[in-house]
C-alpha cells in the first residue's frame, strides 16, 4: 500500500513540474486592431496592498525584458507613449505555501472479536511552494482588461534559485495564446 502511495505522490509531483498556463479573454474585444503596447505603469508589477510577497529587482527586470521580447517576437511594437498604445501590459508574480492531503484506506489486520473486519485510514500531508505568474493585457484607450494568462506550478528550492531560467519559459507558455484566435 505504501508503494502505491509513493508512486501516486511521485506522479502528482511530476505533473506539477510542467507549467499549465490558463487563459481568459473578453470575447467582445477586437484583438485584430492591437499593434502597439506599453506598460501599464512605470513599475508594471501589480501587487495587492495586503501582499507580503517581495519580488527582487533582478526578477522584475527579467520579467519586463522577457514579456517585451515575447511581444516583439509576435510582431507587436513598443509605443513611445503609454497614451498612444493599443494595449497596456501588467504582471503579477508570487508564491504561496500549499498543503496537499492524500488519504487512503488500509485494511486493519486484526479482526474484531465479533468477526467484522475493520479499516484504518492513512493520511499523508505534504507542504509545497506554489509559484504563480500572471500577465494581464488591458485595452489602451479604456484601460479595461481584455486578456489574462496565468501559470502556476510547484516550486522547490532549486526552482527558486533558477528563476532566470524558469521565468522565460513561463512567459513563453503564457503568451503562446495571445492574442486569442
C-alpha atoms as a PDB file:
ATOM      1  CA  UNK A   1       0.000   0.000   0.000  1.00  0.00           C
ATOM      2  CA  UNK A   2       2.845   2.395   0.845  1.00  0.00           C
ATOM      3  CA  UNK A   3       4.474   1.715  -2.548  1.00  0.00           C
ATOM      4  CA  UNK A   4       1.229   2.650  -4.285  1.00  0.00           C
ATOM      5  CA  UNK A   5       1.013   5.841  -2.244  1.00  0.00           C
ATOM      6  CA  UNK A   6       4.613   6.799  -3.037  1.00  0.00           C
ATOM      7  CA  UNK A   7       4.024   6.120  -6.747  1.00  0.00           C
ATOM      8  CA  UNK A   8       0.871   8.270  -6.784  1.00  0.00           C
ATOM      9  CA  UNK A   9       2.696  11.067  -4.989  1.00  0.00           C
ATOM     10  CA  UNK A  10       5.567  10.929  -7.497  1.00  0.00           C
ATOM     11  CA  UNK A  11       3.129  11.100 -10.417  1.00  0.00           C
ATOM     12  CA  UNK A  12       1.306  14.027  -8.811  1.00  0.00           C
ATOM     13  CA  UNK A  13       4.521  15.961  -8.219  1.00  0.00           C
ATOM     14  CA  UNK A  14       5.810  15.190 -11.734  1.00  0.00           C
ATOM     15  CA  UNK A  15       2.602  16.552 -13.231  1.00  0.00           C
ATOM     16  CA  UNK A  16       3.133  19.766 -11.249  1.00  0.00           C
ATOM     17  CA  UNK A  17       6.612  20.207 -12.753  1.00  0.00           C
ATOM     18  CA  UNK A  18       5.269  21.383 -16.112  1.00  0.00           C
ATOM     19  CA  UNK A  19       3.607  24.792 -16.146  1.00  0.00           C
ATOM     20  CA  UNK A  20      -0.056  24.553 -17.071  1.00  0.00           C
ATOM     21  CA  UNK A  21      -0.998  28.032 -18.313  1.00  0.00           C
ATOM     22  CA  UNK A  22      -4.623  29.090 -18.196  1.00  0.00           C
ATOM     23  CA  UNK A  23      -6.179  31.902 -20.189  1.00  0.00           C
ATOM     24  CA  UNK A  24      -9.232  34.083 -20.182  1.00  0.00           C
ATOM     25  CA  UNK A  25     -10.245  36.885 -22.503  1.00  0.00           C
ATOM     26  CA  UNK A  26     -13.064  39.242 -23.348  1.00  0.00           C
ATOM     27  CA  UNK A  27     -14.801  37.773 -26.428  1.00  0.00           C
ATOM     28  CA  UNK A  28     -16.053  41.264 -27.373  1.00  0.00           C
ATOM     29  CA  UNK A  29     -12.509  42.674 -27.616  1.00  0.00           C
ATOM     30  CA  UNK A  30     -11.125  43.332 -31.104  1.00  0.00           C
ATOM     31  CA  UNK A  31      -7.671  41.767 -30.923  1.00  0.00           C
ATOM     32  CA  UNK A  32      -7.040  42.364 -34.650  1.00  0.00           C
ATOM     33  CA  UNK A  33      -6.606  46.089 -34.005  1.00  0.00           C
ATOM     34  CA  UNK A  34      -3.801  45.572 -31.460  1.00  0.00           C
ATOM     35  CA  UNK A  35      -0.401  46.559 -32.849  1.00  0.00           C
ATOM     36  CA  UNK A  36       1.460  48.548 -30.183  1.00  0.00           C
ATOM     37  CA  UNK A  37       1.919  48.059 -26.452  1.00  0.00           C
ATOM     38  CA  UNK A  38       3.190  49.892 -23.402  1.00  0.00           C
ATOM     39  CA  UNK A  39       3.477  49.073 -19.727  1.00  0.00           C
ATOM     40  CA  UNK A  40       0.504  49.916 -17.542  1.00  0.00           C
ATOM     41  CA  UNK A  41       2.765  51.877 -15.183  1.00  0.00           C
ATOM     42  CA  UNK A  42       6.421  52.690 -14.723  1.00  0.00           C
ATOM     43  CA  UNK A  43       6.536  49.661 -12.424  1.00  0.00           C
ATOM     44  CA  UNK A  44       4.225  47.135 -14.151  1.00  0.00           C
ATOM     45  CA  UNK A  45       4.256  44.690 -11.217  1.00  0.00           C
ATOM     46  CA  UNK A  46       0.724  44.577  -9.832  1.00  0.00           C
ATOM     47  CA  UNK A  47       0.666  43.631  -6.165  1.00  0.00           C
ATOM     48  CA  UNK A  48      -2.377  43.726  -3.917  1.00  0.00           C
ATOM     49  CA  UNK A  49      -1.909  46.098  -0.980  1.00  0.00           C
ATOM     50  CA  UNK A  50      -2.046  43.293   1.579  1.00  0.00           C
ATOM     51  CA  UNK A  51       0.537  41.147  -0.252  1.00  0.00           C
ATOM     52  CA  UNK A  52       3.741  40.364   1.589  1.00  0.00           C
ATOM     53  CA  UNK A  53       5.460  38.834  -1.437  1.00  0.00           C
ATOM     54  CA  UNK A  54       8.562  40.696  -2.427  1.00  0.00           C
ATOM     55  CA  UNK A  55       9.965  40.334  -5.929  1.00  0.00           C
ATOM     56  CA  UNK A  56      13.643  41.034  -6.418  1.00  0.00           C
ATOM     57  CA  UNK A  57      14.667  43.856  -8.728  1.00  0.00           C
ATOM     58  CA  UNK A  58      16.573  41.306 -10.814  1.00  0.00           C
ATOM     59  CA  UNK A  59      13.429  39.214 -11.366  1.00  0.00           C
ATOM     60  CA  UNK A  60      11.419  42.355 -12.137  1.00  0.00           C
ATOM     61  CA  UNK A  61      13.902  43.204 -14.869  1.00  0.00           C
ATOM     62  CA  UNK A  62      13.845  39.622 -16.180  1.00  0.00           C
ATOM     63  CA  UNK A  63      10.059  39.728 -16.375  1.00  0.00           C
ATOM     64  CA  UNK A  64       9.894  43.071 -18.167  1.00  0.00           C
ATOM     65  CA  UNK A  65      12.592  42.051 -20.660  1.00  0.00           C
ATOM     66  CA  UNK A  66      11.027  38.607 -21.187  1.00  0.00           C
ATOM     67  CA  UNK A  67       7.499  39.901 -21.749  1.00  0.00           C
ATOM     68  CA  UNK A  68       8.742  42.631 -24.096  1.00  0.00           C
ATOM     69  CA  UNK A  69      10.815  40.111 -26.073  1.00  0.00           C
ATOM     70  CA  UNK A  70       7.846  37.744 -26.382  1.00  0.00           C
ATOM     71  CA  UNK A  71       5.516  40.516 -27.577  1.00  0.00           C
ATOM     72  CA  UNK A  72       8.109  41.867 -30.052  1.00  0.00           C
ATOM     73  CA  UNK A  73       8.600  38.330 -31.404  1.00  0.00           C
ATOM     74  CA  UNK A  74       4.840  38.183 -32.054  1.00  0.00           C
ATOM     75  CA  UNK A  75       5.088  41.324 -34.208  1.00  0.00           C
ATOM     76  CA  UNK A  76       3.875  43.931 -31.724  1.00  0.00           C
ATOM     77  CA  UNK A  77       5.804  47.197 -31.376  1.00  0.00           C
ATOM     78  CA  UNK A  78       6.504  49.164 -28.234  1.00  0.00           C
ATOM     79  CA  UNK A  79       4.731  52.515 -28.220  1.00  0.00           C
ATOM     80  CA  UNK A  80       6.710  55.645 -27.422  1.00  0.00           C
ATOM     81  CA  UNK A  81       3.982  56.941 -25.127  1.00  0.00           C
ATOM     82  CA  UNK A  82       1.628  54.950 -22.923  1.00  0.00           C
ATOM     83  CA  UNK A  83      -1.354  57.004 -24.125  1.00  0.00           C
ATOM     84  CA  UNK A  84      -0.671  56.047 -27.766  1.00  0.00           C
ATOM     85  CA  UNK A  85      -0.509  52.273 -27.157  1.00  0.00           C
ATOM     86  CA  UNK A  86      -3.235  49.960 -28.408  1.00  0.00           C
ATOM     87  CA  UNK A  87      -2.851  47.890 -25.249  1.00  0.00           C
ATOM     88  CA  UNK A  88      -1.025  48.016 -21.935  1.00  0.00           C
ATOM     89  CA  UNK A  89       0.610  45.192 -20.016  1.00  0.00           C
ATOM     90  CA  UNK A  90       0.926  44.380 -16.305  1.00  0.00           C
ATOM     91  CA  UNK A  91       2.094  41.284 -14.462  1.00  0.00           C
ATOM     92  CA  UNK A  92       1.882  39.655 -11.042  1.00  0.00           C
ATOM     93  CA  UNK A  93       4.438  37.267  -9.574  1.00  0.00           C
ATOM     94  CA  UNK A  94       4.254  35.491  -6.257  1.00  0.00           C
ATOM     95  CA  UNK A  95       4.492  32.345  -4.204  1.00  0.00           C
ATOM     96  CA  UNK A  96       2.339  30.765  -1.552  1.00  0.00           C
ATOM     97  CA  UNK A  97       2.619  27.767   0.682  1.00  0.00           C
ATOM     98  CA  UNK A  98       0.155  24.996  -0.120  1.00  0.00           C
ATOM     99  CA  UNK A  99      -0.833  21.731   1.521  1.00  0.00           C
ATOM    100  CA  UNK A 100      -1.668  18.523  -0.270  1.00  0.00           C
ATOM    101  CA  UNK A 101      -3.557  15.908   1.712  1.00  0.00           C
ATOM    102  CA  UNK A 102      -3.777  12.327   0.498  1.00  0.00           C
ATOM    103  CA  UNK A 103      -5.999   9.876   2.307  1.00  0.00           C
ATOM    104  CA  UNK A 104      -6.263   6.172   1.626  1.00  0.00           C
ATOM    105  CA  UNK A 105      -7.959   3.318   3.479  1.00  0.00           C
ATOM    106  CA  UNK A 106      -5.763   0.456   4.574  1.00  0.00           C
ATOM    107  CA  UNK A 107      -7.119  -2.818   5.969  1.00  0.00           C
ATOM    108  CA  UNK A 108      -6.622  -3.209   9.680  1.00  0.00           C
ATOM    109  CA  UNK A 109      -5.090  -6.638  10.091  1.00  0.00           C
ATOM    110  CA  UNK A 110      -6.647  -7.550  13.428  1.00  0.00           C
ATOM    111  CA  UNK A 111     -10.340  -8.557  13.133  1.00  0.00           C
ATOM    112  CA  UNK A 112     -12.808  -7.532  15.785  1.00  0.00           C
ATOM    113  CA  UNK A 113     -13.929 -10.263  18.200  1.00  0.00           C
ATOM    114  CA  UNK A 114     -17.416 -10.398  16.626  1.00  0.00           C
ATOM    115  CA  UNK A 115     -15.877 -11.138  13.211  1.00  0.00           C
ATOM    116  CA  UNK A 116     -16.199  -7.818  11.413  1.00  0.00           C
ATOM    117  CA  UNK A 117     -13.167  -6.571   9.615  1.00  0.00           C
ATOM    118  CA  UNK A 118     -12.086  -3.040  10.216  1.00  0.00           C
ATOM    119  CA  UNK A 119     -10.252  -0.404   8.205  1.00  0.00           C
ATOM    120  CA  UNK A 120      -7.999   2.386   9.244  1.00  0.00           C
ATOM    121  CA  UNK A 121      -7.278   5.448   7.171  1.00  0.00           C
ATOM    122  CA  UNK A 122      -3.768   6.651   6.383  1.00  0.00           C
ATOM    123  CA  UNK A 123      -3.426  10.387   5.870  1.00  0.00           C
ATOM    124  CA  UNK A 124      -0.313  11.921   4.357  1.00  0.00           C
ATOM    125  CA  UNK A 125       0.166  15.678   4.316  1.00  0.00           C
ATOM    126  CA  UNK A 126       2.706  17.381   2.047  1.00  0.00           C
ATOM    127  CA  UNK A 127       3.677  21.027   2.133  1.00  0.00           C
ATOM    128  CA  UNK A 128       4.950  22.691  -1.034  1.00  0.00           C
ATOM    129  CA  UNK A 129       5.506  26.141  -2.506  1.00  0.00           C
ATOM    130  CA  UNK A 130       3.355  27.155  -5.455  1.00  0.00           C
ATOM    131  CA  UNK A 131       4.688  29.843  -7.777  1.00  0.00           C
ATOM    132  CA  UNK A 132       2.355  31.945  -9.881  1.00  0.00           C
ATOM    133  CA  UNK A 133       2.979  34.322 -12.787  1.00  0.00           C
ATOM    134  CA  UNK A 134       0.067  36.271 -14.288  1.00  0.00           C
ATOM    135  CA  UNK A 135       0.170  38.546 -17.308  1.00  0.00           C
ATOM    136  CA  UNK A 136      -2.698  40.956 -17.927  1.00  0.00           C
ATOM    137  CA  UNK A 137      -3.462  42.824 -21.140  1.00  0.00           C
ATOM    138  CA  UNK A 138      -5.641  45.927 -20.919  1.00  0.00           C
ATOM    139  CA  UNK A 139      -7.236  47.889 -23.735  1.00  0.00           C
ATOM    140  CA  UNK A 140      -5.154  51.026 -24.309  1.00  0.00           C
ATOM    141  CA  UNK A 141      -7.849  53.698 -24.577  1.00  0.00           C
ATOM    142  CA  UNK A 142     -10.296  52.310 -21.989  1.00  0.00           C
ATOM    143  CA  UNK A 143      -7.839  50.559 -19.610  1.00  0.00           C
ATOM    144  CA  UNK A 144     -10.325  47.675 -19.341  1.00  0.00           C
ATOM    145  CA  UNK A 145      -8.880  44.158 -19.027  1.00  0.00           C
ATOM    146  CA  UNK A 146      -9.222  42.159 -22.238  1.00  0.00           C
ATOM    147  CA  UNK A 147      -6.875  39.177 -21.717  1.00  0.00           C
ATOM    148  CA  UNK A 148      -5.437  37.304 -18.734  1.00  0.00           C
ATOM    149  CA  UNK A 149      -2.924  34.460 -18.665  1.00  0.00           C
ATOM    150  CA  UNK A 150      -1.564  32.669 -15.618  1.00  0.00           C
ATOM    151  CA  UNK A 151       0.843  29.824 -14.967  1.00  0.00           C
ATOM    152  CA  UNK A 152       1.127  28.084 -11.609  1.00  0.00           C
ATOM    153  CA  UNK A 153       3.447  25.328 -10.574  1.00  0.00           C
ATOM    154  CA  UNK A 154       5.036  23.648  -7.609  1.00  0.00           C
ATOM    155  CA  UNK A 155       8.472  25.033  -6.806  1.00  0.00           C
ATOM    156  CA  UNK A 156      11.379  23.503  -4.940  1.00  0.00           C
ATOM    157  CA  UNK A 157      14.478  25.248  -3.601  1.00  0.00           C
ATOM    158  CA  UNK A 158      16.341  24.603  -6.869  1.00  0.00           C
ATOM    159  CA  UNK A 159      13.465  26.126  -8.860  1.00  0.00           C
ATOM    160  CA  UNK A 160      13.530  29.296  -6.780  1.00  0.00           C
ATOM    161  CA  UNK A 161      17.289  29.565  -7.308  1.00  0.00           C
ATOM    162  CA  UNK A 162      16.874  29.113 -11.101  1.00  0.00           C
ATOM    163  CA  UNK A 163      14.370  31.919 -11.694  1.00  0.00           C
ATOM    164  CA  UNK A 164      16.490  33.240 -14.565  1.00  0.00           C
ATOM    165  CA  UNK A 165      15.881  30.015 -16.488  1.00  0.00           C
ATOM    166  CA  UNK A 166      12.287  29.379 -15.443  1.00  0.00           C
ATOM    167  CA  UNK A 167      10.759  32.823 -15.991  1.00  0.00           C
ATOM    168  CA  UNK A 168      11.354  32.966 -19.782  1.00  0.00           C
ATOM    169  CA  UNK A 169       9.747  29.534 -20.208  1.00  0.00           C
ATOM    170  CA  UNK A 170       6.733  30.561 -18.133  1.00  0.00           C
ATOM    171  CA  UNK A 171       6.367  33.825 -20.102  1.00  0.00           C
ATOM    172  CA  UNK A 172       6.526  31.973 -23.423  1.00  0.00           C
ATOM    173  CA  UNK A 173       3.961  29.409 -22.238  1.00  0.00           C
ATOM    174  CA  UNK A 174       1.560  32.099 -21.027  1.00  0.00           C
ATOM    175  CA  UNK A 175       1.809  34.330 -24.095  1.00  0.00           C
ATOM    176  CA  UNK A 176       1.526  31.406 -26.522  1.00  0.00           C
ATOM    177  CA  UNK A 177      -2.217  32.022 -26.778  1.00  0.00           C
ATOM    178  CA  UNK A 178      -2.086  35.804 -27.038  1.00  0.00           C
ATOM    179  CA  UNK A 179      -3.797  37.167 -28.979  1.00  0.00           C
ATOM    180  CA  UNK A 180      -6.582  34.587 -28.939  1.00  0.00           C
ATOM    181  CA  UNK A 181      -7.561  33.203 -32.318  1.00  0.00           C
END
